[in-house]
Amino acid sequence: MDTSIFLAKFWGWFMILFFFLLMLYPKRIKQLFAFAKDDKFIIPLSILTIIIGLLNVIAHNVWTADWRVVITLFGWSSLLKGIAQFAFPSVAWSWMEKIDFKWFQFMMFLMFVVGVMLLNQAYQWVPF
């Protein structure tokens, strides 16, 4: 299987699942923010984020003017977020605190749309 298709399925399903889980259980949003702020979880969480980002960047560093660049951007943003979280946890947390609920709802909607777009590219439900 092509790496782009595999990662489109992975990121697409990940985003769709998280969208529905967070919409069905909105209390989890506050729990995620509390979890991300807790000092004992910052290092393991940042290491996991670095690993996911680095694997994505190594496997798929494709800078083309099509849908595959979205996967590359996910990898790089994950890698940079993990590094920032590990090296500067207070700065990374201050960025997260600036996200209010309406902005978070917009990001969730965007996550759903991008997830559907990636799954459509992977499975060719609606060819275009």
Protein backbone atom coordinates (compact mmCIF):
# COMPACT_ATOMS: atom_id res chain seq x y z
CA MET A 1 0.00 0.00 0.00
CA ASP A 2 1.24 3.48 -0.84
CA THR A 3 2.49 5.39 2.21
CA SER A 4 0.28 8.38 1.40
CA ILE A 5 -2.83 6.20 1.30
CA PHE A 6 -1.89 4.42 4.53
CA LEU A 7 -1.29 7.69 6.37
CA ALA A 8 -4.45 9.23 4.87
CA LYS A 9 -6.41 6.32 6.35
CA PHE A 10 -4.61 6.61 9.69
CA TRP A 11 -5.01 10.38 10.11
CA GLY A 12 -8.51 10.37 8.57
CA TRP A 13 -9.88 7.69 10.90
CA PHE A 14 -8.04 9.23 13.85
CA MET A 15 -9.67 12.62 13.25
CA ILE A 16 -13.15 11.23 12.60
CA LEU A 17 -13.02 9.03 15.71
CA PHE A 18 -11.77 11.86 17.91
CA PHE A 19 -14.39 14.22 16.50
CA PHE A 20 -17.25 11.87 17.34
CA LEU A 21 -15.83 10.83 20.71
CA LEU A 22 -15.34 14.43 21.82
CA MET A 23 -18.78 15.43 20.54
CA LEU A 24 -20.43 12.52 22.37
CA TYR A 25 -18.40 13.05 25.56
CA PRO A 26 -17.68 16.79 25.86
CA LYS A 27 -16.39 16.33 29.44
CA ARG A 28 -13.35 14.67 27.89
CA ILE A 29 -12.25 18.01 26.42
CA LYS A 30 -11.63 19.49 29.87
CA GLN A 31 -10.00 16.24 30.97
CA LEU A 32 -7.64 16.34 27.98
CA PHE A 33 -6.60 19.90 28.81
CA ALA A 34 -6.06 18.99 32.47
CA PHE A 35 -4.09 15.90 31.44
CA ALA A 36 -1.89 17.93 29.09
CA LYS A 37 -1.16 20.49 31.81
CA ASP A 38 -0.18 17.96 34.50
CA ASP A 39 3.62 17.92 34.95
CA LYS A 40 3.85 14.15 35.32
CA PHE A 41 2.29 13.65 31.89
CA ILE A 42 4.08 16.39 29.92
CA ILE A 43 7.28 14.41 29.27
CA PRO A 44 5.63 11.10 28.18
CA LEU A 45 3.06 13.02 26.13
CA SER A 46 5.72 15.12 24.42
CA ILE A 47 7.88 12.04 23.72
CA LEU A 48 4.89 10.25 22.17
CA THR A 49 4.11 13.34 20.08
CA ILE A 50 7.74 13.54 18.91
CA ILE A 51 7.72 9.84 17.98
CA ILE A 52 4.49 10.10 15.99
CA GLY A 53 5.68 13.26 14.24
CA LEU A 54 9.13 11.89 13.48
CA LEU A 55 7.73 8.63 12.09
CA ASN A 56 5.32 10.59 9.92
CA VAL A 57 8.05 12.96 8.66
CA ILE A 58 10.48 10.11 7.91
CA ALA A 59 7.85 8.03 6.12
CA HIS A 60 6.11 10.90 4.34
CA ASN A 61 7.93 14.16 3.72
CA VAL A 62 6.08 14.98 0.51
CA TRP A 63 5.81 18.66 -0.44
CA THR A 64 3.43 18.62 -3.41
CA ALA A 65 0.54 20.89 -4.28
CA ASP A 66 -2.13 18.29 -3.60
CA TRP A 67 -3.84 16.52 -0.69
CA ARG A 68 -0.65 14.68 0.34
CA VAL A 69 0.88 17.87 1.75
CA VAL A 70 -1.78 17.75 4.51
CA ILE A 71 -0.23 14.52 5.80
CA THR A 72 3.24 16.07 5.71
CA LEU A 73 1.98 19.12 7.61
CA PHE A 74 0.47 16.84 10.28
CA GLY A 75 3.81 15.14 10.73
CA TRP A 76 5.79 18.35 10.97
CA SER A 77 3.27 20.03 13.28
CA SER A 78 3.26 16.98 15.55
CA LEU A 79 7.05 16.88 15.64
CA LEU A 80 7.41 20.60 16.35
CA LYS A 81 4.63 20.54 18.95
CA GLY A 82 6.30 17.64 20.75
CA ILE A 83 9.67 19.38 20.75
CA ALA A 84 8.10 22.63 22.02
CA GLN A 85 6.18 20.74 24.70
CA PHE A 86 9.32 18.91 25.85
CA ALA A 87 11.71 21.88 25.77
CA PHE A 88 9.35 24.69 26.80
CA PRO A 89 6.32 23.18 28.61
CA SER A 90 5.14 26.46 30.12
CA VAL A 91 5.20 28.24 26.74
CA ALA A 92 3.39 25.34 25.06
CA TRP A 93 0.75 25.39 27.79
CA SER A 94 0.26 29.16 27.46
CA TRP A 95 -0.58 28.60 23.78
CA MET A 96 -3.16 25.99 24.74
CA GLU A 97 -4.75 28.27 27.35
CA LYS A 98 -5.50 30.85 24.65
CA ILE A 99 -7.86 28.42 22.92
CA ASP A 100 -11.41 29.20 24.00
CA PHE A 101 -14.40 26.90 23.49
CA LYS A 102 -15.63 28.52 20.26
CA TRP A 103 -12.16 28.24 18.71
CA PHE A 104 -12.00 24.62 19.87
CA GLN A 105 -15.38 23.92 18.24
CA PHE A 106 -14.10 25.38 14.97
CA MET A 107 -10.97 23.21 15.20
CA MET A 108 -13.16 20.15 15.82
CA PHE A 109 -15.26 20.94 12.76
CA LEU A 110 -12.10 21.47 10.70
CA MET A 111 -10.76 18.16 12.02
CA PHE A 112 -13.94 16.43 10.83
CA VAL A 113 -13.77 18.01 7.36
CA VAL A 114 -10.07 17.20 6.90
CA GLY A 115 -10.66 13.65 8.18
CA VAL A 116 -13.44 13.11 5.63
CA MET A 117 -11.26 14.59 2.89
CA LEU A 118 -8.36 12.26 3.74
CA LEU A 119 -10.63 9.21 3.92
CA ASN A 120 -12.17 10.18 0.58
CA GLN A 121 -8.69 10.33 -0.96
CA ALA A 122 -7.79 6.96 0.56
CA TYR A 123 -10.97 5.09 -0.36
CA GLN A 124 -12.07 7.13 -3.41
CA TRP A 125 -15.68 7.35 -2.24
CA VAL A 126 -16.34 10.43 -4.35
CA PRO A 127 -13.74 10.66 -7.12
CA PHE A 128 -12.76 14.14 -8.27
